[in-house]
Amino acid sequence: APARKLKLREVLEEIGVSRASFYRMRARGQAPRITYLPNGLIRIS
């Protein structure tokens, strides 16, 4: 089966951080790898 892709909201709930904190983590290279969908939404496997 293909890897399940999680919505950003689901990931934020699981790791317990705000959206702003997640984007700060991404800027520092400390966030999980993301995938952009063609419509601009973010998914994380």
PDB file of all heavy atoms in Angstrom:
ATOM      1  N   ALA A   1       0.837  -1.197   0.000  1.00  0.00           N
ATOM      2  CA  ALA A   1       0.000   0.000   0.000  1.00  0.00           C
ATOM      3  C   ALA A   1       0.879   1.256   0.000  1.00  0.00           C
ATOM      4  O   ALA A   1       1.954   1.260   0.595  1.00  0.00           O
ATOM      5  CB  ALA A   1      -0.897   0.010   1.229  1.00  0.00           C
ATOM      6  N   PRO A   2       0.422   2.306  -0.690  1.00  0.00           N
ATOM      7  CA  PRO A   2       1.192   3.555  -0.682  1.00  0.00           C
ATOM      8  C   PRO A   2       1.225   4.158   0.722  1.00  0.00           C
ATOM      9  O   PRO A   2       0.332   3.937   1.532  1.00  0.00           O
ATOM     10  CB  PRO A   2       0.432   4.462  -1.655  1.00  0.00           C
ATOM     11  CG  PRO A   2      -0.929   3.882  -1.752  1.00  0.00           C
ATOM     12  CD  PRO A   2      -0.799   2.418  -1.456  1.00  0.00           C
ATOM     13  N   ALA A   3       2.285   4.903   0.999  1.00  0.00           N
ATOM     14  CA  ALA A   3       2.431   5.548   2.312  1.00  0.00           C
ATOM     15  C   ALA A   3       1.292   6.541   2.534  1.00  0.00           C
ATOM     16  O   ALA A   3       0.909   7.268   1.616  1.00  0.00           O
ATOM     17  CB  ALA A   3       3.773   6.250   2.402  1.00  0.00           C
ATOM     18  N   ARG A   4       0.761   6.531   3.731  1.00  0.00           N
ATOM     19  CA  ARG A   4      -0.326   7.442   4.070  1.00  0.00           C
ATOM     20  C   ARG A   4       0.230   8.860   4.157  1.00  0.00           C
ATOM     21  O   ARG A   4       1.276   9.094   4.752  1.00  0.00           O
ATOM     22  CB  ARG A   4      -0.927   7.041   5.416  1.00  0.00           C
ATOM     23  CG  ARG A   4      -2.112   7.897   5.799  1.00  0.00           C
ATOM     24  CD  ARG A   4      -2.853   7.288   6.979  1.00  0.00           C
ATOM     25  NE  ARG A   4      -4.079   7.986   7.244  1.00  0.00           N
ATOM     26  CZ  ARG A   4      -4.172   9.096   7.975  1.00  0.00           C
ATOM     27  NH1 ARG A   4      -3.099   9.625   8.499  1.00  0.00           N
ATOM     28  NH2 ARG A   4      -5.343   9.664   8.182  1.00  0.00           N
ATOM     29  N   LYS A   5      -0.460   9.791   3.549  1.00  0.00           N
ATOM     30  CA  LYS A   5      -0.079  11.200   3.589  1.00  0.00           C
ATOM     31  C   LYS A   5      -0.978  11.919   4.585  1.00  0.00           C
ATOM     32  O   LYS A   5      -2.206  11.835   4.510  1.00  0.00           O
ATOM     33  CB  LYS A   5      -0.233  11.854   2.215  1.00  0.00           C
ATOM     34  CG  LYS A   5       0.612  11.238   1.135  1.00  0.00           C
ATOM     35  CD  LYS A   5       2.066  11.577   1.328  1.00  0.00           C
ATOM     36  CE  LYS A   5       2.859  11.077   0.133  1.00  0.00           C
ATOM     37  NZ  LYS A   5       4.265  11.319   0.272  1.00  0.00           N
ATOM     38  N   LEU A   6      -0.382  12.609   5.532  1.00  0.00           N
ATOM     39  CA  LEU A   6      -1.114  13.323   6.566  1.00  0.00           C
ATOM     40  C   LEU A   6      -1.272  14.788   6.193  1.00  0.00           C
ATOM     41  O   LEU A   6      -0.371  15.395   5.595  1.00  0.00           O
ATOM     42  CB  LEU A   6      -0.360  13.228   7.898  1.00  0.00           C
ATOM     43  CG  LEU A   6      -0.057  11.826   8.402  1.00  0.00           C
ATOM     44  CD1 LEU A   6       0.891  11.900   9.585  1.00  0.00           C
ATOM     45  CD2 LEU A   6      -1.339  11.117   8.777  1.00  0.00           C
ATOM     46  N   LYS A   7      -2.403  15.355   6.574  1.00  0.00           N
ATOM     47  CA  LYS A   7      -2.618  16.783   6.396  1.00  0.00           C
ATOM     48  C   LYS A   7      -1.797  17.516   7.442  1.00  0.00           C
ATOM     49  O   LYS A   7      -1.512  16.986   8.520  1.00  0.00           O
ATOM     50  CB  LYS A   7      -4.094  17.127   6.575  1.00  0.00           C
ATOM     51  CG  LYS A   7      -4.982  16.519   5.517  1.00  0.00           C
ATOM     52  CD  LYS A   7      -6.419  16.868   5.775  1.00  0.00           C
ATOM     53  CE  LYS A   7      -7.309  16.228   4.721  1.00  0.00           C
ATOM     54  NZ  LYS A   7      -8.730  16.525   4.954  1.00  0.00           N
ATOM     55  N   LEU A   8      -1.429  18.759   7.137  1.00  0.00           N
ATOM     56  CA  LEU A   8      -0.639  19.550   8.069  1.00  0.00           C
ATOM     57  C   LEU A   8      -1.351  19.659   9.421  1.00  0.00           C
ATOM     58  O   LEU A   8      -0.724  19.533  10.471  1.00  0.00           O
ATOM     59  CB  LEU A   8      -0.345  20.932   7.496  1.00  0.00           C
ATOM     60  CG  LEU A   8       0.505  21.836   8.372  1.00  0.00           C
ATOM     61  CD1 LEU A   8       1.847  21.202   8.718  1.00  0.00           C
ATOM     62  CD2 LEU A   8       0.701  23.182   7.704  1.00  0.00           C
ATOM     63  N   ARG A   9      -2.642  19.833   9.406  1.00  0.00           N
ATOM     64  CA  ARG A   9      -3.425  19.946  10.642  1.00  0.00           C
ATOM     65  C   ARG A   9      -3.256  18.709  11.512  1.00  0.00           C
ATOM     66  O   ARG A   9      -3.096  18.800  12.725  1.00  0.00           O
ATOM     67  CB  ARG A   9      -4.900  20.172  10.303  1.00  0.00           C
ATOM     68  CG  ARG A   9      -5.833  20.222  11.502  1.00  0.00           C
ATOM     69  CD  ARG A   9      -7.286  20.409  11.098  1.00  0.00           C
ATOM     70  NE  ARG A   9      -7.724  19.707   9.902  1.00  0.00           N
ATOM     71  CZ  ARG A   9      -8.067  18.414   9.860  1.00  0.00           C
ATOM     72  NH1 ARG A   9      -8.025  17.678  10.938  1.00  0.00           N
ATOM     73  NH2 ARG A   9      -8.466  17.861   8.734  1.00  0.00           N
ATOM     74  N   GLU A  10      -3.265  17.535  10.887  1.00  0.00           N
ATOM     75  CA  GLU A  10      -3.087  16.283  11.627  1.00  0.00           C
ATOM     76  C   GLU A  10      -1.702  16.205  12.265  1.00  0.00           C
ATOM     77  O   GLU A  10      -1.551  15.762  13.410  1.00  0.00           O
ATOM     78  CB  GLU A  10      -3.290  15.080  10.697  1.00  0.00           C
ATOM     79  CG  GLU A  10      -4.692  14.957  10.152  1.00  0.00           C
ATOM     80  CD  GLU A  10      -4.806  13.896   9.076  1.00  0.00           C
ATOM     81  OE1 GLU A  10      -3.962  13.849   8.163  1.00  0.00           O
ATOM     82  OE2 GLU A  10      -5.767  13.101   9.164  1.00  0.00           O
ATOM     83  N   VAL A  11      -0.696  16.636  11.511  1.00  0.00           N
ATOM     84  CA  VAL A  11       0.673  16.609  12.023  1.00  0.00           C
ATOM     85  C   VAL A  11       0.825  17.586  13.179  1.00  0.00           C
ATOM     86  O   VAL A  11       1.416  17.259  14.208  1.00  0.00           O
ATOM     87  CB  VAL A  11       1.684  16.921  10.898  1.00  0.00           C
ATOM     88  CG1 VAL A  11       3.088  17.071  11.451  1.00  0.00           C
ATOM     89  CG2 VAL A  11       1.628  15.844   9.832  1.00  0.00           C
ATOM     90  N   LEU A  12       0.256  18.782  13.042  1.00  0.00           N
ATOM     91  CA  LEU A  12       0.344  19.781  14.108  1.00  0.00           C
ATOM     92  C   LEU A  12      -0.295  19.269  15.388  1.00  0.00           C
ATOM     93  O   LEU A  12       0.247  19.473  16.485  1.00  0.00           O
ATOM     94  CB  LEU A  12      -0.325  21.095  13.678  1.00  0.00           C
ATOM     95  CG  LEU A  12       0.330  21.813  12.497  1.00  0.00           C
ATOM     96  CD1 LEU A  12      -0.499  23.029  12.110  1.00  0.00           C
ATOM     97  CD2 LEU A  12       1.762  22.190  12.807  1.00  0.00           C
ATOM     98  N   GLU A  13      -1.428  18.592  15.268  1.00  0.00           N
ATOM     99  CA  GLU A  13      -2.088  18.015  16.440  1.00  0.00           C
ATOM    100  C   GLU A  13      -1.218  16.937  17.077  1.00  0.00           C
ATOM    101  O   GLU A  13      -1.096  16.878  18.296  1.00  0.00           O
ATOM    102  CB  GLU A  13      -3.448  17.430  16.059  1.00  0.00           C
ATOM    103  CG  GLU A  13      -4.496  18.465  15.731  1.00  0.00           C
ATOM    104  CD  GLU A  13      -5.789  17.846  15.220  1.00  0.00           C
ATOM    105  OE1 GLU A  13      -5.944  16.607  15.300  1.00  0.00           O
ATOM    106  OE2 GLU A  13      -6.643  18.608  14.737  1.00  0.00           O
ATOM    107  N   GLU A  14      -0.606  16.090  16.248  1.00  0.00           N
ATOM    108  CA  GLU A  14       0.197  14.992  16.783  1.00  0.00           C
ATOM    109  C   GLU A  14       1.455  15.484  17.493  1.00  0.00           C
ATOM    110  O   GLU A  14       1.799  14.981  18.565  1.00  0.00           O
ATOM    111  CB  GLU A  14       0.588  14.025  15.672  1.00  0.00           C
ATOM    112  CG  GLU A  14       1.399  12.859  16.196  1.00  0.00           C
ATOM    113  CD  GLU A  14       1.653  11.788  15.161  1.00  0.00           C
ATOM    114  OE1 GLU A  14       0.846  11.638  14.228  1.00  0.00           O
ATOM    115  OE2 GLU A  14       2.673  11.092  15.316  1.00  0.00           O
ATOM    116  N   ILE A  15       2.144  16.457  16.902  1.00  0.00           N
ATOM    117  CA  ILE A  15       3.392  16.898  17.522  1.00  0.00           C
ATOM    118  C   ILE A  15       3.165  18.012  18.540  1.00  0.00           C
ATOM    119  O   ILE A  15       4.076  18.351  19.287  1.00  0.00           O
ATOM    120  CB  ILE A  15       4.451  17.295  16.472  1.00  0.00           C
ATOM    121  CG1 ILE A  15       4.035  18.517  15.665  1.00  0.00           C
ATOM    122  CG2 ILE A  15       4.749  16.123  15.564  1.00  0.00           C
ATOM    123  CD1 ILE A  15       5.107  18.991  14.689  1.00  0.00           C
ATOM    124  N   GLY A  16       1.962  18.567  18.584  1.00  0.00           N
ATOM    125  CA  GLY A  16       1.610  19.531  19.613  1.00  0.00           C
ATOM    126  C   GLY A  16       2.234  20.898  19.471  1.00  0.00           C
ATOM    127  O   GLY A  16       2.636  21.502  20.468  1.00  0.00           O
ATOM    128  N   VAL A  17       2.327  21.386  18.235  1.00  0.00           N
ATOM    129  CA  VAL A  17       2.847  22.734  18.009  1.00  0.00           C
ATOM    130  C   VAL A  17       1.876  23.522  17.138  1.00  0.00           C
ATOM    131  O   VAL A  17       1.030  22.952  16.448  1.00  0.00           O
ATOM    132  CB  VAL A  17       4.255  22.722  17.345  1.00  0.00           C
ATOM    133  CG1 VAL A  17       5.272  22.004  18.206  1.00  0.00           C
ATOM    134  CG2 VAL A  17       4.204  22.118  15.966  1.00  0.00           C
ATOM    135  N   SER A  18       2.035  24.834  17.178  1.00  0.00           N
ATOM    136  CA  SER A  18       1.201  25.698  16.345  1.00  0.00           C
ATOM    137  C   SER A  18       1.738  25.708  14.916  1.00  0.00           C
ATOM    138  O   SER A  18       2.871  25.280  14.651  1.00  0.00           O
ATOM    139  CB  SER A  18       1.196  27.118  16.898  1.00  0.00           C
ATOM    140  OG  SER A  18       2.481  27.705  16.747  1.00  0.00           O
ATOM    141  N   ARG A  19       0.937  26.224  14.019  1.00  0.00           N
ATOM    142  CA  ARG A  19       1.361  26.339  12.616  1.00  0.00           C
ATOM    143  C   ARG A  19       2.598  27.235  12.508  1.00  0.00           C
ATOM    144  O   ARG A  19       3.552  26.916  11.792  1.00  0.00           O
ATOM    145  CB  ARG A  19       0.206  26.907  11.778  1.00  0.00           C
ATOM    146  CG  ARG A  19       0.494  26.985  10.297  1.00  0.00           C
ATOM    147  CD  ARG A  19      -0.711  27.521   9.552  1.00  0.00           C
ATOM    148  NE  ARG A  19      -1.843  26.623   9.651  1.00  0.00           N
ATOM    149  CZ  ARG A  19      -2.157  25.700   8.740  1.00  0.00           C
ATOM    150  NH1 ARG A  19      -1.428  25.583   7.662  1.00  0.00           N
ATOM    151  NH2 ARG A  19      -3.201  24.924   8.894  1.00  0.00           N
ATOM    152  N   ALA A  20       2.607  28.346  13.254  1.00  0.00           N
ATOM    153  CA  ALA A  20       3.757  29.257  13.220  1.00  0.00           C
ATOM    154  C   ALA A  20       5.023  28.562  13.724  1.00  0.00           C
ATOM    155  O   ALA A  20       6.103  28.722  13.140  1.00  0.00           O
ATOM    156  CB  ALA A  20       3.467  30.503  14.050  1.00  0.00           C
ATOM    157  N   SER A  21       4.898  27.784  14.789  1.00  0.00           N
ATOM    158  CA  SER A  21       6.058  27.049  15.313  1.00  0.00           C
ATOM    159  C   SER A  21       6.563  26.044  14.292  1.00  0.00           C
ATOM    160  O   SER A  21       7.776  25.864  14.119  1.00  0.00           O
ATOM    161  CB  SER A  21       5.690  26.323  16.602  1.00  0.00           C
ATOM    162  OG  SER A  21       5.418  27.236  17.620  1.00  0.00           O
ATOM    163  N   PHE A  22       5.629  25.374  13.604  1.00  0.00           N
ATOM    164  CA  PHE A  22       6.023  24.404  12.590  1.00  0.00           C
ATOM    165  C   PHE A  22       6.814  25.089  11.478  1.00  0.00           C
ATOM    166  O   PHE A  22       7.850  24.581  11.047  1.00  0.00           O
ATOM    167  CB  PHE A  22       4.792  23.709  12.006  1.00  0.00           C
ATOM    168  CG  PHE A  22       5.126  22.682  10.977  1.00  0.00           C
ATOM    169  CD1 PHE A  22       5.507  21.402  11.340  1.00  0.00           C
ATOM    170  CD2 PHE A  22       5.077  22.988   9.615  1.00  0.00           C
ATOM    171  CE1 PHE A  22       5.836  20.446  10.385  1.00  0.00           C
ATOM    172  CE2 PHE A  22       5.393  22.048   8.657  1.00  0.00           C
ATOM    173  CZ  PHE A  22       5.773  20.770   9.044  1.00  0.00           C
ATOM    174  N   TYR A  23       6.358  26.242  11.020  1.00  0.00           N
ATOM    175  CA  TYR A  23       7.075  26.947   9.953  1.00  0.00           C
ATOM    176  C   TYR A  23       8.431  27.456  10.427  1.00  0.00           C
ATOM    177  O   TYR A  23       9.393  27.488   9.652  1.00  0.00           O
ATOM    178  CB  TYR A  23       6.214  28.071   9.376  1.00  0.00           C
ATOM    179  CG  TYR A  23       5.152  27.541   8.439  1.00  0.00           C
ATOM    180  CD1 TYR A  23       3.812  27.584   8.782  1.00  0.00           C
ATOM    181  CD2 TYR A  23       5.505  26.978   7.221  1.00  0.00           C
ATOM    182  CE1 TYR A  23       2.842  27.086   7.928  1.00  0.00           C
ATOM    183  CE2 TYR A  23       4.537  26.478   6.353  1.00  0.00           C
ATOM    184  CZ  TYR A  23       3.216  26.539   6.710  1.00  0.00           C
ATOM    185  OH  TYR A  23       2.256  26.036   5.868  1.00  0.00           O
ATOM    186  N   ARG A  24       8.563  27.835  11.701  1.00  0.00           N
ATOM    187  CA  ARG A  24       9.875  28.200  12.244  1.00  0.00           C
ATOM    188  C   ARG A  24      10.798  26.983  12.262  1.00  0.00           C
ATOM    189  O   ARG A  24      11.983  27.090  11.924  1.00  0.00           O
ATOM    190  CB  ARG A  24       9.741  28.794  13.647  1.00  0.00           C
ATOM    191  CG  ARG A  24       9.281  30.237  13.647  1.00  0.00           C
ATOM    192  CD  ARG A  24       9.456  30.883  15.014  1.00  0.00           C
ATOM    193  NE  ARG A  24       8.703  30.212  16.062  1.00  0.00           N
ATOM    194  CZ  ARG A  24       7.461  30.496  16.412  1.00  0.00           C
ATOM    195  NH1 ARG A  24       6.799  31.453  15.782  1.00  0.00           N
ATOM    196  NH2 ARG A  24       6.865  29.837  17.387  1.00  0.00           N
ATOM    197  N   MET A  25      10.248  25.827  12.642  1.00  0.00           N
ATOM    198  CA  MET A  25      11.027  24.599  12.632  1.00  0.00           C
ATOM    199  C   MET A  25      11.497  24.279  11.212  1.00  0.00           C
ATOM    200  O   MET A  25      12.644  23.868  11.004  1.00  0.00           O
ATOM    201  CB  MET A  25      10.198  23.431  13.181  1.00  0.00           C
ATOM    202  CG  MET A  25       9.931  23.501  14.657  1.00  0.00           C
ATOM    203  SD  MET A  25       8.658  22.362  15.231  1.00  0.00           S
ATOM    204  CE  MET A  25       9.201  20.798  14.609  1.00  0.00           C
ATOM    205  N   ARG A  26      10.619  24.458  10.244  1.00  0.00           N
ATOM    206  CA  ARG A  26      10.982  24.210   8.837  1.00  0.00           C
ATOM    207  C   ARG A  26      12.100  25.125   8.396  1.00  0.00           C
ATOM    208  O   ARG A  26      13.034  24.704   7.711  1.00  0.00           O
ATOM    209  CB  ARG A  26       9.773  24.453   7.926  1.00  0.00           C
ATOM    210  CG  ARG A  26       8.968  23.214   7.695  1.00  0.00           C
ATOM    211  CD  ARG A  26       7.986  23.370   6.560  1.00  0.00           C
ATOM    212  NE  ARG A  26       8.669  23.573   5.295  1.00  0.00           N
ATOM    213  CZ  ARG A  26       8.310  24.451   4.379  1.00  0.00           C
ATOM    214  NH1 ARG A  26       7.255  25.221   4.562  1.00  0.00           N
ATOM    215  NH2 ARG A  26       8.961  24.570   3.261  1.00  0.00           N
ATOM    216  N   ALA A  27      12.022  26.411   8.794  1.00  0.00           N
ATOM    217  CA  ALA A  27      13.053  27.376   8.399  1.00  0.00           C
ATOM    218  C   ALA A  27      14.422  26.999   8.968  1.00  0.00           C
ATOM    219  O   ALA A  27      15.450  27.272   8.346  1.00  0.00           O
ATOM    220  CB  ALA A  27      12.658  28.776   8.859  1.00  0.00           C
ATOM    221  N   ARG A  28      14.425  26.346  10.127  1.00  0.00           N
ATOM    222  CA  ARG A  28      15.679  25.907  10.761  1.00  0.00           C
ATOM    223  C   ARG A  28      16.092  24.510  10.309  1.00  0.00           C
ATOM    224  O   ARG A  28      17.105  23.986  10.757  1.00  0.00           O
ATOM    225  CB  ARG A  28      15.522  25.918  12.283  1.00  0.00           C
ATOM    226  CG  ARG A  28      15.375  27.297  12.872  1.00  0.00           C
ATOM    227  CD  ARG A  28      15.438  27.265  14.387  1.00  0.00           C
ATOM    228  NE  ARG A  28      14.438  26.395  14.974  1.00  0.00           N
ATOM    229  CZ  ARG A  28      13.332  26.785  15.588  1.00  0.00           C
ATOM    230  NH1 ARG A  28      13.063  28.065  15.696  1.00  0.00           N
ATOM    231  NH2 ARG A  28      12.498  25.912  16.105  1.00  0.00           N
ATOM    232  N   GLY A  29      15.289  23.863   9.453  1.00  0.00           N
ATOM    233  CA  GLY A  29      15.601  22.520   8.986  1.00  0.00           C
ATOM    234  C   GLY A  29      15.327  21.457  10.026  1.00  0.00           C
ATOM    235  O   GLY A  29      15.934  20.391   9.994  1.00  0.00           O
ATOM    236  N   GLN A  30      14.397  21.718  10.955  1.00  0.00           N
ATOM    237  CA  GLN A  30      14.120  20.795  12.052  1.00  0.00           C
ATOM    238  C   GLN A  30      12.747  20.139  11.965  1.00  0.00           C
ATOM    239  O   GLN A  30      12.329  19.479  12.902  1.00  0.00           O
ATOM    240  CB  GLN A  30      14.229  21.536  13.389  1.00  0.00           C
ATOM    241  CG  GLN A  30      15.599  22.098  13.643  1.00  0.00           C
ATOM    242  CD  GLN A  30      15.648  22.963  14.874  1.00  0.00           C
ATOM    243  OE1 GLN A  30      14.644  23.533  15.289  1.00  0.00           O
ATOM    244  NE2 GLN A  30      16.816  23.075  15.465  1.00  0.00           N
ATOM    245  N   ALA A  31      12.058  20.301  10.881  1.00  0.00           N
ATOM    246  CA  ALA A  31      10.710  19.746  10.724  1.00  0.00           C
ATOM    247  C   ALA A  31      10.764  18.512   9.816  1.00  0.00           C
ATOM    248  O   ALA A  31      11.723  18.318   9.069  1.00  0.00           O
ATOM    249  CB  ALA A  31       9.776  20.790  10.125  1.00  0.00           C
ATOM    250  N   PRO A  32       9.733  17.674   9.883  1.00  0.00           N
ATOM    251  CA  PRO A  32       9.696  16.528   8.968  1.00  0.00           C
ATOM    252  C   PRO A  32       9.592  16.992   7.517  1.00  0.00           C
ATOM    253  O   PRO A  32       9.132  18.100   7.237  1.00  0.00           O
ATOM    254  CB  PRO A  32       8.437  15.771   9.389  1.00  0.00           C
ATOM    255  CG  PRO A  32       7.696  16.629  10.326  1.00  0.00           C
ATOM    256  CD  PRO A  32       8.590  17.710  10.786  1.00  0.00           C
ATOM    257  N   ARG A  33      10.045  16.133   6.622  1.00  0.00           N
ATOM    258  CA  ARG A  33      10.006  16.454   5.190  1.00  0.00           C
ATOM    259  C   ARG A  33       8.562  16.600   4.726  1.00  0.00           C
ATOM    260  O   ARG A  33       7.690  15.825   5.129  1.00  0.00           O
ATOM    261  CB  ARG A  33      10.709  15.335   4.417  1.00  0.00           C
ATOM    262  CG  ARG A  33      10.906  15.646   2.962  1.00  0.00           C
ATOM    263  CD  ARG A  33      11.776  14.639   2.300  1.00  0.00           C
ATOM    264  NE  ARG A  33      11.280  13.288   2.556  1.00  0.00           N
ATOM    265  CZ  ARG A  33      11.966  12.200   2.292  1.00  0.00           C
ATOM    266  NH1 ARG A  33      13.174  12.288   1.807  1.00  0.00           N
ATOM    267  NH2 ARG A  33      11.445  11.016   2.534  1.00  0.00           N
ATOM    268  N   ILE A  34       8.301  17.569   3.877  1.00  0.00           N
ATOM    269  CA  ILE A  34       6.942  17.820   3.392  1.00  0.00           C
ATOM    270  C   ILE A  34       6.863  17.587   1.890  1.00  0.00           C
ATOM    271  O   ILE A  34       7.867  17.575   1.193  1.00  0.00           O
ATOM    272  CB  ILE A  34       6.470  19.251   3.716  1.00  0.00           C
ATOM    273  CG1 ILE A  34       7.326  20.277   2.982  1.00  0.00           C
ATOM    274  CG2 ILE A  34       6.479  19.511   5.202  1.00  0.00           C
ATOM    275  CD1 ILE A  34       6.790  21.679   3.064  1.00  0.00           C
ATOM    276  N   THR A  35       5.630  17.401   1.420  1.00  0.00           N
ATOM    277  CA  THR A  35       5.326  17.288   0.001  1.00  0.00           C
ATOM    278  C   THR A  35       4.269  18.319  -0.327  1.00  0.00           C
ATOM    279  O   THR A  35       3.289  18.456   0.403  1.00  0.00           O
ATOM    280  CB  THR A  35       4.771  15.883  -0.328  1.00  0.00           C
ATOM    281  OG1 THR A  35       5.737  14.909   0.049  1.00  0.00           O
ATOM    282  CG2 THR A  35       4.457  15.743  -1.803  1.00  0.00           C
ATOM    283  N   TYR A  36       4.502  19.086  -1.387  1.00  0.00           N
ATOM    284  CA  TYR A  36       3.497  20.044  -1.847  1.00  0.00           C
ATOM    285  C   TYR A  36       2.629  19.389  -2.909  1.00  0.00           C
ATOM    286  O   TYR A  36       3.142  18.792  -3.853  1.00  0.00           O
ATOM    287  CB  TYR A  36       4.152  21.278  -2.461  1.00  0.00           C
ATOM    288  CG  TYR A  36       4.747  22.220  -1.447  1.00  0.00           C
ATOM    289  CD1 TYR A  36       6.108  22.289  -1.243  1.00  0.00           C
ATOM    290  CD2 TYR A  36       3.928  23.057  -0.691  1.00  0.00           C
ATOM    291  CE1 TYR A  36       6.658  23.154  -0.317  1.00  0.00           C
ATOM    292  CE2 TYR A  36       4.464  23.927   0.240  1.00  0.00           C
ATOM    293  CZ  TYR A  36       5.831  23.973   0.419  1.00  0.00           C
ATOM    294  OH  TYR A  36       6.362  24.833   1.340  1.00  0.00           O
ATOM    295  N   LEU A  37       1.336  19.501  -2.752  1.00  0.00           N
ATOM    296  CA  LEU A  37       0.410  19.044  -3.783  1.00  0.00           C
ATOM    297  C   LEU A  37       0.307  20.113  -4.860  1.00  0.00           C
ATOM    298  O   LEU A  37       0.660  21.279  -4.619  1.00  0.00           O
ATOM    299  CB  LEU A  37      -0.965  18.785  -3.155  1.00  0.00           C
ATOM    300  CG  LEU A  37      -1.025  17.704  -2.078  1.00  0.00           C
ATOM    301  CD1 LEU A  37      -2.448  17.578  -1.553  1.00  0.00           C
ATOM    302  CD2 LEU A  37      -0.529  16.377  -2.612  1.00  0.00           C
ATOM    303  N   PRO A  38      -0.183  19.779  -6.047  1.00  0.00           N
ATOM    304  CA  PRO A  38      -0.307  20.765  -7.123  1.00  0.00           C
ATOM    305  C   PRO A  38      -1.152  21.992  -6.738  1.00  0.00           C
ATOM    306  O   PRO A  38      -0.932  23.082  -7.252  1.00  0.00           O
ATOM    307  CB  PRO A  38      -0.970  19.988  -8.262  1.00  0.00           C
ATOM    308  CG  PRO A  38      -0.584  18.575  -8.010  1.00  0.00           C
ATOM    309  CD  PRO A  38      -0.533  18.436  -6.511  1.00  0.00           C
ATOM    310  N   ASN A  39      -2.086  21.814  -5.814  1.00  0.00           N
ATOM    311  CA  ASN A  39      -2.918  22.952  -5.407  1.00  0.00           C
ATOM    312  C   ASN A  39      -2.290  23.767  -4.277  1.00  0.00           C
ATOM    313  O   ASN A  39      -2.909  24.670  -3.741  1.00  0.00           O
ATOM    314  CB  ASN A  39      -4.314  22.468  -4.993  1.00  0.00           C
ATOM    315  CG  ASN A  39      -4.285  21.514  -3.827  1.00  0.00           C
ATOM    316  OD1 ASN A  39      -3.238  21.211  -3.283  1.00  0.00           O
ATOM    317  ND2 ASN A  39      -5.453  21.013  -3.450  1.00  0.00           N
ATOM    318  N   GLY A  40      -1.029  23.433  -3.884  1.00  0.00           N
ATOM    319  CA  GLY A  40      -0.307  24.198  -2.886  1.00  0.00           C
ATOM    320  C   GLY A  40      -0.449  23.686  -1.458  1.00  0.00           C
ATOM    321  O   GLY A  40       0.221  24.184  -0.562  1.00  0.00           O
ATOM    322  N   LEU A  41      -1.307  22.694  -1.252  1.00  0.00           N
ATOM    323  CA  LEU A  41      -1.469  22.144   0.085  1.00  0.00           C
ATOM    324  C   LEU A  41      -0.260  21.297   0.459  1.00  0.00           C
ATOM    325  O   LEU A  41       0.437  20.776  -0.408  1.00  0.00           O
ATOM    326  CB  LEU A  41      -2.746  21.308   0.173  1.00  0.00           C
ATOM    327  CG  LEU A  41      -4.060  22.075  -0.018  1.00  0.00           C
ATOM    328  CD1 LEU A  41      -5.240  21.115   0.009  1.00  0.00           C
ATOM    329  CD2 LEU A  41      -4.216  23.139   1.055  1.00  0.00           C
ATOM    330  N   ILE A  42      -0.036  21.159   1.748  1.00  0.00           N
ATOM    331  CA  ILE A  42       1.105  20.402   2.256  1.00  0.00           C
ATOM    332  C   ILE A  42       0.636  19.058   2.774  1.00  0.00           C
ATOM    333  O   ILE A  42      -0.388  18.961   3.446  1.00  0.00           O
ATOM    334  CB  ILE A  42       1.800  21.190   3.385  1.00  0.00           C
ATOM    335  CG1 ILE A  42       2.455  22.443   2.823  1.00  0.00           C
ATOM    336  CG2 ILE A  42       2.823  20.329   4.111  1.00  0.00           C
ATOM    337  CD1 ILE A  42       3.060  23.334   3.881  1.00  0.00           C
ATOM    338  N   ARG A  43       1.417  18.016   2.482  1.00  0.00           N
ATOM    339  CA  ARG A  43       1.187  16.691   3.030  1.00  0.00           C
ATOM    340  C   ARG A  43       2.519  16.172   3.561  1.00  0.00           C
ATOM    341  O   ARG A  43       3.591  16.503   3.046  1.00  0.00           O
ATOM    342  CB  ARG A  43       0.651  15.717   1.981  1.00  0.00           C
ATOM    343  CG  ARG A  43      -0.727  16.060   1.459  1.00  0.00           C
ATOM    344  CD  ARG A  43      -1.784  15.895   2.539  1.00  0.00           C
ATOM    345  NE  ARG A  43      -3.121  16.144   2.044  1.00  0.00           N
ATOM    346  CZ  ARG A  43      -3.755  17.302   2.128  1.00  0.00           C
ATOM    347  NH1 ARG A  43      -3.168  18.335   2.677  1.00  0.00           N
ATOM    348  NH2 ARG A  43      -4.970  17.436   1.661  1.00  0.00           N
ATOM    349  N   ILE A  44       2.427  15.348   4.600  1.00  0.00           N
ATOM    350  CA  ILE A  44       3.613  14.736   5.197  1.00  0.00           C
ATOM    351  C   ILE A  44       3.335  13.243   5.297  1.00  0.00           C
ATOM    352  O   ILE A  44       2.297  12.844   5.831  1.00  0.00           O
ATOM    353  CB  ILE A  44       3.904  15.342   6.581  1.00  0.00           C
ATOM    354  CG1 ILE A  44       4.161  16.835   6.432  1.00  0.00           C
ATOM    355  CG2 ILE A  44       5.071  14.636   7.254  1.00  0.00           C
ATOM    356  CD1 ILE A  44       4.204  17.605   7.711  1.00  0.00           C
ATOM    357  N   SER A  45       4.245  12.444   4.787  1.00  0.00           N
ATOM    358  CA  SER A  45       4.005  11.001   4.813  1.00  0.00           C
ATOM    359  C   SER A  45       4.181  10.475   6.231  1.00  0.00           C
ATOM    360  O   SER A  45       4.987  10.985   7.014  1.00  0.00           O
ATOM    361  CB  SER A  45       4.931  10.266   3.847  1.00  0.00           C
ATOM    362  OG  SER A  45       6.229  10.210   4.366  1.00  0.00           O
TER     363      SER A  45
END
